[in-house]
Each structure stands twice: as C-alpha cells, then as structure tokens.
C-alpha atoms as a PDB file:
ATOM      1  CA  UNK A   1      87.303 116.366 128.889  1.00  0.00           C
ATOM      2  CA  UNK A   2      90.286 118.697 128.409  1.00  0.00           C
ATOM      3  CA  UNK A   3      92.300 116.727 130.950  1.00  0.00           C
ATOM      4  CA  UNK A   4      91.406 113.443 129.242  1.00  0.00           C
ATOM      5  CA  UNK A   5      92.419 114.799 125.833  1.00  0.00           C
ATOM      6  CA  UNK A   6      95.771 116.024 127.173  1.00  0.00           C
ATOM      7  CA  UNK A   7      96.402 112.587 128.666  1.00  0.00           C
ATOM      8  CA  UNK A   8      95.565 111.057 125.279  1.00  0.00           C
ATOM      9  CA  UNK A   9      98.004 113.373 123.508  1.00  0.00           C
ATOM     10  CA  UNK A  10     100.688 112.504 126.030  1.00  0.00           C
ATOM     11  CA  UNK A  11     100.270 108.878 124.967  1.00  0.00           C
ATOM     12  CA  UNK A  12     100.722 109.684 121.276  1.00  0.00           C
ATOM     13  CA  UNK A  13     103.799 110.917 119.472  1.00  0.00           C
ATOM     14  CA  UNK A  14     107.229 109.344 119.589  1.00  0.00           C
ATOM     15  CA  UNK A  15     106.409 106.620 122.107  1.00  0.00           C
ATOM     16  CA  UNK A  16     103.484 104.969 120.280  1.00  0.00           C
ATOM     17  CA  UNK A  17     103.327 101.189 120.631  1.00  0.00           C
ATOM     18  CA  UNK A  18     102.693  99.287 117.395  1.00  0.00           C
ATOM     19  CA  UNK A  19      99.622  97.582 118.906  1.00  0.00           C
ATOM     20  CA  UNK A  20      97.971 100.971 119.533  1.00  0.00           C
ATOM     21  CA  UNK A  21      98.938 102.546 116.200  1.00  0.00           C
ATOM     22  CA  UNK A  22      95.886 104.126 114.510  1.00  0.00           C
ATOM     23  CA  UNK A  23      93.539 102.872 117.252  1.00  0.00           C
ATOM     24  CA  UNK A  24      91.352 105.816 118.312  1.00  0.00           C
ATOM     25  CA  UNK A  25      91.138 106.872 121.953  1.00  0.00           C
ATOM     26  CA  UNK A  26      87.706 106.742 123.636  1.00  0.00           C
ATOM     27  CA  UNK A  27      85.288 109.221 122.062  1.00  0.00           C
ATOM     28  CA  UNK A  28      87.301 109.600 118.841  1.00  0.00           C
ATOM     29  CA  UNK A  29      87.070 107.895 115.441  1.00  0.00           C
ATOM     30  CA  UNK A  30      90.021 107.106 113.169  1.00  0.00           C
ATOM     31  CA  UNK A  31      90.213 109.123 109.953  1.00  0.00           C
ATOM     32  CA  UNK A  32      93.138 106.943 108.854  1.00  0.00           C
ATOM     33  CA  UNK A  33      92.801 103.198 109.385  1.00  0.00           C
ATOM     34  CA  UNK A  34      96.481 102.375 108.904  1.00  0.00           C
ATOM     35  CA  UNK A  35      95.783 100.165 105.857  1.00  0.00           C
ATOM     36  CA  UNK A  36      94.464 102.269 102.961  1.00  0.00           C
ATOM     37  CA  UNK A  37      92.940 105.603 101.930  1.00  0.00           C
ATOM     38  CA  UNK A  38      89.381 104.835 103.025  1.00  0.00           C
ATOM     39  CA  UNK A  39      87.722 108.116 104.171  1.00  0.00           C
ATOM     40  CA  UNK A  40      90.072 110.210 101.994  1.00  0.00           C
ATOM     41  CA  UNK A  41      89.945 111.706  98.501  1.00  0.00           C
ATOM     42  CA  UNK A  42      92.118 113.825  96.255  1.00  0.00           C
ATOM     43  CA  UNK A  43      91.868 116.025  93.178  1.00  0.00           C
ATOM     44  CA  UNK A  44      93.753 113.238  91.419  1.00  0.00           C
ATOM     45  CA  UNK A  45      91.882 110.197  90.149  1.00  0.00           C
ATOM     46  CA  UNK A  46      94.301 107.907  91.941  1.00  0.00           C
ATOM     47  CA  UNK A  47      95.717 109.467  95.110  1.00  0.00           C
ATOM     48  CA  UNK A  48      97.430 106.183  95.978  1.00  0.00           C
ATOM     49  CA  UNK A  49     100.145 106.909  93.377  1.00  0.00           C
ATOM     50  CA  UNK A  50     101.626 109.510  95.739  1.00  0.00           C
ATOM     51  CA  UNK A  51      99.946 108.796  99.097  1.00  0.00           C
ATOM     52  CA  UNK A  52     100.852 105.277 100.208  1.00  0.00           C
ATOM     53  CA  UNK A  53     100.493 103.259 103.394  1.00  0.00           C
ATOM     54  CA  UNK A  54     103.359 101.242 104.879  1.00  0.00           C
ATOM     55  CA  UNK A  55     103.546  99.777 108.368  1.00  0.00           C
ATOM     56  CA  UNK A  56     100.545 101.776 109.536  1.00  0.00           C
ATOM     57  CA  UNK A  57     101.985 105.112 108.366  1.00  0.00           C
ATOM     58  CA  UNK A  58     100.619 107.381 105.619  1.00  0.00           C
ATOM     59  CA  UNK A  59     103.532 108.413 103.367  1.00  0.00           C
ATOM     60  CA  UNK A  60     103.512 111.206 100.805  1.00  0.00           C
ATOM     61  CA  UNK A  61     106.219 111.276  98.129  1.00  0.00           C
ATOM     62  CA  UNK A  62     106.206 115.037  97.463  1.00  0.00           C
ATOM     63  CA  UNK A  63     104.264 114.864  94.179  1.00  0.00           C
ATOM     64  CA  UNK A  64     100.611 115.086  93.240  1.00  0.00           C
ATOM     65  CA  UNK A  65      97.762 116.789  95.081  1.00  0.00           C
ATOM     66  CA  UNK A  66      96.657 117.353  98.670  1.00  0.00           C
ATOM     67  CA  UNK A  67      94.645 114.677 100.454  1.00  0.00           C
ATOM     68  CA  UNK A  68      91.310 115.571 102.082  1.00  0.00           C
ATOM     69  CA  UNK A  69      88.629 113.788 104.040  1.00  0.00           C
ATOM     70  CA  UNK A  70      85.628 112.535 102.108  1.00  0.00           C
ATOM     71  CA  UNK A  71      83.398 113.906 104.889  1.00  0.00           C
ATOM     72  CA  UNK A  72      82.945 117.523 105.942  1.00  0.00           C
ATOM     73  CA  UNK A  73      83.250 118.592 109.589  1.00  0.00           C
ATOM     74  CA  UNK A  74      82.023 121.544 111.646  1.00  0.00           C
ATOM     75  CA  UNK A  75      83.283 121.856 115.218  1.00  0.00           C
ATOM     76  CA  UNK A  76      85.757 119.147 116.171  1.00  0.00           C
ATOM     77  CA  UNK A  77      88.805 118.027 118.077  1.00  0.00           C
ATOM     78  CA  UNK A  78      91.548 116.558 115.883  1.00  0.00           C
ATOM     79  CA  UNK A  79      94.574 114.521 116.944  1.00  0.00           C
ATOM     80  CA  UNK A  80      97.313 113.803 114.407  1.00  0.00           C
ATOM     81  CA  UNK A  81     100.935 112.637 114.444  1.00  0.00           C
ATOM     82  CA  UNK A  82     103.156 114.089 111.716  1.00  0.00           C
ATOM     83  CA  UNK A  83     106.775 113.947 110.638  1.00  0.00           C
ATOM     84  CA  UNK A  84     108.740 115.993 108.104  1.00  0.00           C
ATOM     85  CA  UNK A  85     112.274 116.022 106.782  1.00  0.00           C
ATOM     86  CA  UNK A  86     114.819 118.814 106.471  1.00  0.00           C
ATOM     87  CA  UNK A  87     113.292 121.973 104.936  1.00  0.00           C
ATOM     88  CA  UNK A  88     109.875 120.246 104.939  1.00  0.00           C
ATOM     89  CA  UNK A  89     106.742 122.366 104.541  1.00  0.00           C
ATOM     90  CA  UNK A  90     103.151 121.242 104.998  1.00  0.00           C
ATOM     91  CA  UNK A  91      99.966 122.152 106.789  1.00  0.00           C
ATOM     92  CA  UNK A  92      96.505 121.026 107.814  1.00  0.00           C
ATOM     93  CA  UNK A  93      93.443 122.757 106.361  1.00  0.00           C
ATOM     94  CA  UNK A  94      90.451 123.078 108.687  1.00  0.00           C
ATOM     95  CA  UNK A  95      87.025 123.040 106.984  1.00  0.00           C
ATOM     96  CA  UNK A  96      88.927 123.333 103.720  1.00  0.00           C
ATOM     97  CA  UNK A  97      90.604 126.583 104.842  1.00  0.00           C
ATOM     98  CA  UNK A  98      94.403 126.875 105.154  1.00  0.00           C
ATOM     99  CA  UNK A  99      96.044 126.278 107.522  1.00  0.00           C
ATOM    100  CA  UNK A 100      97.706 125.048 110.666  1.00  0.00           C
ATOM    101  CA  UNK A 101     101.356 125.279 109.617  1.00  0.00           C
ATOM    102  CA  UNK A 102     103.857 122.406 109.631  1.00  0.00           C
ATOM    103  CA  UNK A 103     107.427 123.212 108.618  1.00  0.00           C
ATOM    104  CA  UNK A 104     111.114 122.990 109.383  1.00  0.00           C
ATOM    105  CA  UNK A 105     111.472 126.499 110.790  1.00  0.00           C
ATOM    106  CA  UNK A 106     113.025 126.197 114.266  1.00  0.00           C
ATOM    107  CA  UNK A 107     113.109 130.001 114.528  1.00  0.00           C
ATOM    108  CA  UNK A 108     109.286 130.171 114.263  1.00  0.00           C
ATOM    109  CA  UNK A 109     107.880 126.711 114.972  1.00  0.00           C
ATOM    110  CA  UNK A 110     104.869 124.797 113.688  1.00  0.00           C
ATOM    111  CA  UNK A 111     101.222 125.127 114.654  1.00  0.00           C
ATOM    112  CA  UNK A 112     100.538 128.750 113.746  1.00  0.00           C
ATOM    113  CA  UNK A 113      97.647 129.888 111.538  1.00  0.00           C
ATOM    114  CA  UNK A 114      99.912 130.769 108.630  1.00  0.00           C
ATOM    115  CA  UNK A 115      97.458 132.702 106.446  1.00  0.00           C
ATOM    116  CA  UNK A 116      96.052 134.995 109.157  1.00  0.00           C
ATOM    117  CA  UNK A 117      96.494 138.698 108.383  1.00  0.00           C
ATOM    118  CA  UNK A 118      94.628 140.494 111.199  1.00  0.00           C
ATOM    119  CA  UNK A 119      95.083 137.923 113.933  1.00  0.00           C
ATOM    120  CA  UNK A 120      98.206 136.152 115.095  1.00  0.00           C
ATOM    121  CA  UNK A 121      99.740 133.884 112.451  1.00  0.00           C
ATOM    122  CA  UNK A 122     102.734 132.513 114.387  1.00  0.00           C
ATOM    123  CA  UNK A 123     102.708 130.080 117.315  1.00  0.00           C
ATOM    124  CA  UNK A 124     103.040 131.273 120.907  1.00  0.00           C
ATOM    125  CA  UNK A 125     106.190 129.173 121.314  1.00  0.00           C
ATOM    126  CA  UNK A 126     108.368 126.688 119.447  1.00  0.00           C
ATOM    127  CA  UNK A 127     107.372 123.173 120.505  1.00  0.00           C
ATOM    128  CA  UNK A 128     108.577 121.119 117.525  1.00  0.00           C
ATOM    129  CA  UNK A 129     110.670 118.024 118.039  1.00  0.00           C
ATOM    130  CA  UNK A 130     113.829 117.702 115.896  1.00  0.00           C
ATOM    131  CA  UNK A 131     113.321 117.070 112.169  1.00  0.00           C
ATOM    132  CA  UNK A 132     112.764 113.380 111.495  1.00  0.00           C
ATOM    133  CA  UNK A 133     110.961 112.765 114.809  1.00  0.00           C
ATOM    134  CA  UNK A 134     107.218 112.383 115.312  1.00  0.00           C
ATOM    135  CA  UNK A 135     105.180 115.382 116.480  1.00  0.00           C
ATOM    136  CA  UNK A 136     101.585 115.408 117.733  1.00  0.00           C
ATOM    137  CA  UNK A 137      98.947 118.076 117.148  1.00  0.00           C
ATOM    138  CA  UNK A 138      95.795 118.439 119.186  1.00  0.00           C
ATOM    139  CA  UNK A 139      93.585 120.916 117.291  1.00  0.00           C
ATOM    140  CA  UNK A 140      90.243 122.226 118.533  1.00  0.00           C
ATOM    141  CA  UNK A 141      87.963 124.071 116.113  1.00  0.00           C
ATOM    142  CA  UNK A 142      84.828 125.710 117.529  1.00  0.00           C
ATOM    143  CA  UNK A 143      83.065 128.341 115.439  1.00  0.00           C
ATOM    144  CA  UNK A 144      85.914 130.246 113.798  1.00  0.00           C
ATOM    145  CA  UNK A 145      88.212 129.837 116.827  1.00  0.00           C
ATOM    146  CA  UNK A 146      91.194 127.482 116.722  1.00  0.00           C
ATOM    147  CA  UNK A 147      93.286 126.193 119.597  1.00  0.00           C
ATOM    148  CA  UNK A 148      96.415 124.147 118.863  1.00  0.00           C
ATOM    149  CA  UNK A 149      98.593 122.082 121.160  1.00  0.00           C
ATOM    150  CA  UNK A 150     101.879 120.792 119.745  1.00  0.00           C
ATOM    151  CA  UNK A 151     103.480 117.970 121.711  1.00  0.00           C
ATOM    152  CA  UNK A 152     101.342 118.972 124.697  1.00  0.00           C
ATOM    153  CA  UNK A 153     102.341 122.662 124.553  1.00  0.00           C
ATOM    154  CA  UNK A 154      99.760 125.384 123.834  1.00  0.00           C
ATOM    155  CA  UNK A 155     100.862 127.154 120.639  1.00  0.00           C
ATOM    156  CA  UNK A 156      97.580 128.764 119.464  1.00  0.00           C
ATOM    157  CA  UNK A 157      94.938 129.938 121.950  1.00  0.00           C
ATOM    158  CA  UNK A 158      91.409 130.417 120.566  1.00  0.00           C
ATOM    159  CA  UNK A 159      92.600 132.429 117.591  1.00  0.00           C
ATOM    160  CA  UNK A 160      90.066 133.115 114.796  1.00  0.00           C
ATOM    161  CA  UNK A 161      90.990 131.331 111.568  1.00  0.00           C
ATOM    162  CA  UNK A 162      90.779 133.847 108.728  1.00  0.00           C
ATOM    163  CA  UNK A 163      89.292 132.784 105.403  1.00  0.00           C
ATOM    164  CA  UNK A 164      92.245 132.818 102.994  1.00  0.00           C
ATOM    165  CA  UNK A 165      92.051 133.979 100.233  1.00  0.00           C
ATOM    166  CA  UNK A 166      88.497 135.302 100.737  1.00  0.00           C
ATOM    167  CA  UNK A 167      89.352 137.387 103.790  1.00  0.00           C
ATOM    168  CA  UNK A 168      86.124 139.405 103.737  1.00  0.00           C
ATOM    169  CA  UNK A 169      83.895 136.329 104.001  1.00  0.00           C
ATOM    170  CA  UNK A 170      83.430 134.090 107.054  1.00  0.00           C
ATOM    171  CA  UNK A 171      84.928 130.616 107.024  1.00  0.00           C
ATOM    172  CA  UNK A 172      82.527 127.804 106.064  1.00  0.00           C
ATOM    173  CA  UNK A 173      80.461 126.197 108.816  1.00  0.00           C
ATOM    174  CA  UNK A 174      81.573 122.801 107.547  1.00  0.00           C
ATOM    175  CA  UNK A 175      84.359 121.517 105.324  1.00  0.00           C
ATOM    176  CA  UNK A 176      86.993 118.801 104.941  1.00  0.00           C
ATOM    177  CA  UNK A 177      90.198 118.229 106.859  1.00  0.00           C
ATOM    178  CA  UNK A 178      93.015 118.464 104.324  1.00  0.00           C
ATOM    179  CA  UNK A 179      96.647 117.360 104.431  1.00  0.00           C
ATOM    180  CA  UNK A 180      98.545 119.970 102.446  1.00  0.00           C
ATOM    181  CA  UNK A 181     101.992 119.840 100.912  1.00  0.00           C
ATOM    182  CA  UNK A 182     104.606 121.982  99.200  1.00  0.00           C
ATOM    183  CA  UNK A 183     106.408 119.247  97.306  1.00  0.00           C
ATOM    184  CA  UNK A 184     108.174 117.678 100.294  1.00  0.00           C
ATOM    185  CA  UNK A 185     107.841 114.085 101.535  1.00  0.00           C
ATOM    186  CA  UNK A 186     105.613 113.788 104.615  1.00  0.00           C
ATOM    187  CA  UNK A 187     104.365 111.160 107.033  1.00  0.00           C
ATOM    188  CA  UNK A 188     101.175 110.998 109.083  1.00  0.00           C
ATOM    189  CA  UNK A 189      99.639 108.489 111.483  1.00  0.00           C
ATOM    190  CA  UNK A 190      97.146 108.360 114.378  1.00  0.00           C
ATOM    191  CA  UNK A 191      94.669 110.757 112.740  1.00  0.00           C
ATOM    192  CA  UNK A 192      91.645 110.849 115.042  1.00  0.00           C
ATOM    193  CA  UNK A 193      88.629 113.160 115.219  1.00  0.00           C
ATOM    194  CA  UNK A 194      85.869 113.851 117.730  1.00  0.00           C
ATOM    195  CA  UNK A 195      82.944 115.960 116.544  1.00  0.00           C
ATOM    196  CA  UNK A 196      81.814 118.584 119.054  1.00  0.00           C
END
C-alpha cells in the first residue's frame, strides 16, 4: 500500500490534469468536492465569505476563521495539494491539534510538527517547491505518530504529535482535519483521506 500511495502522490501536485482534479484515488474519499464547502465547517456562520471555490480550487482570502472537517477522524492517510504566496504561513491540524506547518521559509521548509517541544519540530529536509507553485503533502497519522511526505520526500518520520497547548495530556483519539491560517491568502485542492 505504501508503494501505491507514493505512486498516487507522484501523480498529484503541479502536473494535475483538469479532468482528474479533486477525483480521489482508489481507496480514498474526497474531503473537498471542487464545487462547494460540503464536508467542512467553520467558527463563522458563513465560511463561504472567506473560503471560496473557483475552478476546482479552494481559495482563502486571508480573513475570517480556520476551516475544519465536519467529521472527526482517528488514524488516517491524508493527501492534499496546497499553494501559498510570498511570506505565506499556514498549517494543517490533525485531530484538531496543531500542526503540520506550511510556510514560506526556504531555510527551514514545510511539513514539520511546528508546536512540538520534546520531539522534533522541523522537517528532515527542505522539499518545498518555489512560492506560487503547487505542493503535495502525504500525511499518515497512526496513534500519536505522524509521518509526512512533501512532494514525495520524507520530511517527518513517525514523530509523535504533541498536544499543544495541553502538553501534559495525550492527543485526542479522534478529531477534525483543520486548514489553519495566519492571515495570508491560501489555496488547496485534491484533499483526499483514507481511514486506517
């Protein structure tokens, strides 16, 4: 299954054909359908004021609240394409816990578990594509362990995700996937999940 997932990731990213946009690979389901915010919710009453869909891409305008799945997940494999602009800063919460980091920091790179204190918080290598180009995460969450591939490169290897800000308590067994922001425009597409 690992080999299949890596082949799937290789087919995502910058070379996606429009006909396959937001169509899940075998064994996965689409969290984003490419048309609207079905399966997603926000702290705002109307998330669609700031999270909009155009041409099969989920756009965020840099205002408003984070966007999270309506459903909670336990162990899973998550595939997601993302794109940021200059100085962009974002992340993906796993089970409602921050976060797999996304940012314009070529000296550090994206994919690290930013809020870890005891364990490693930075990625093993920089695998980001240039700002303004699509990147692809493959994230595996099993128990409290997280593995992250960025553009096919291993950047986090079975690192425990620490429960920020409640460091002394274990992370929840289930929780939402959340698209986080720091006031910068963002884009997402091809958001697929496979429960393990």
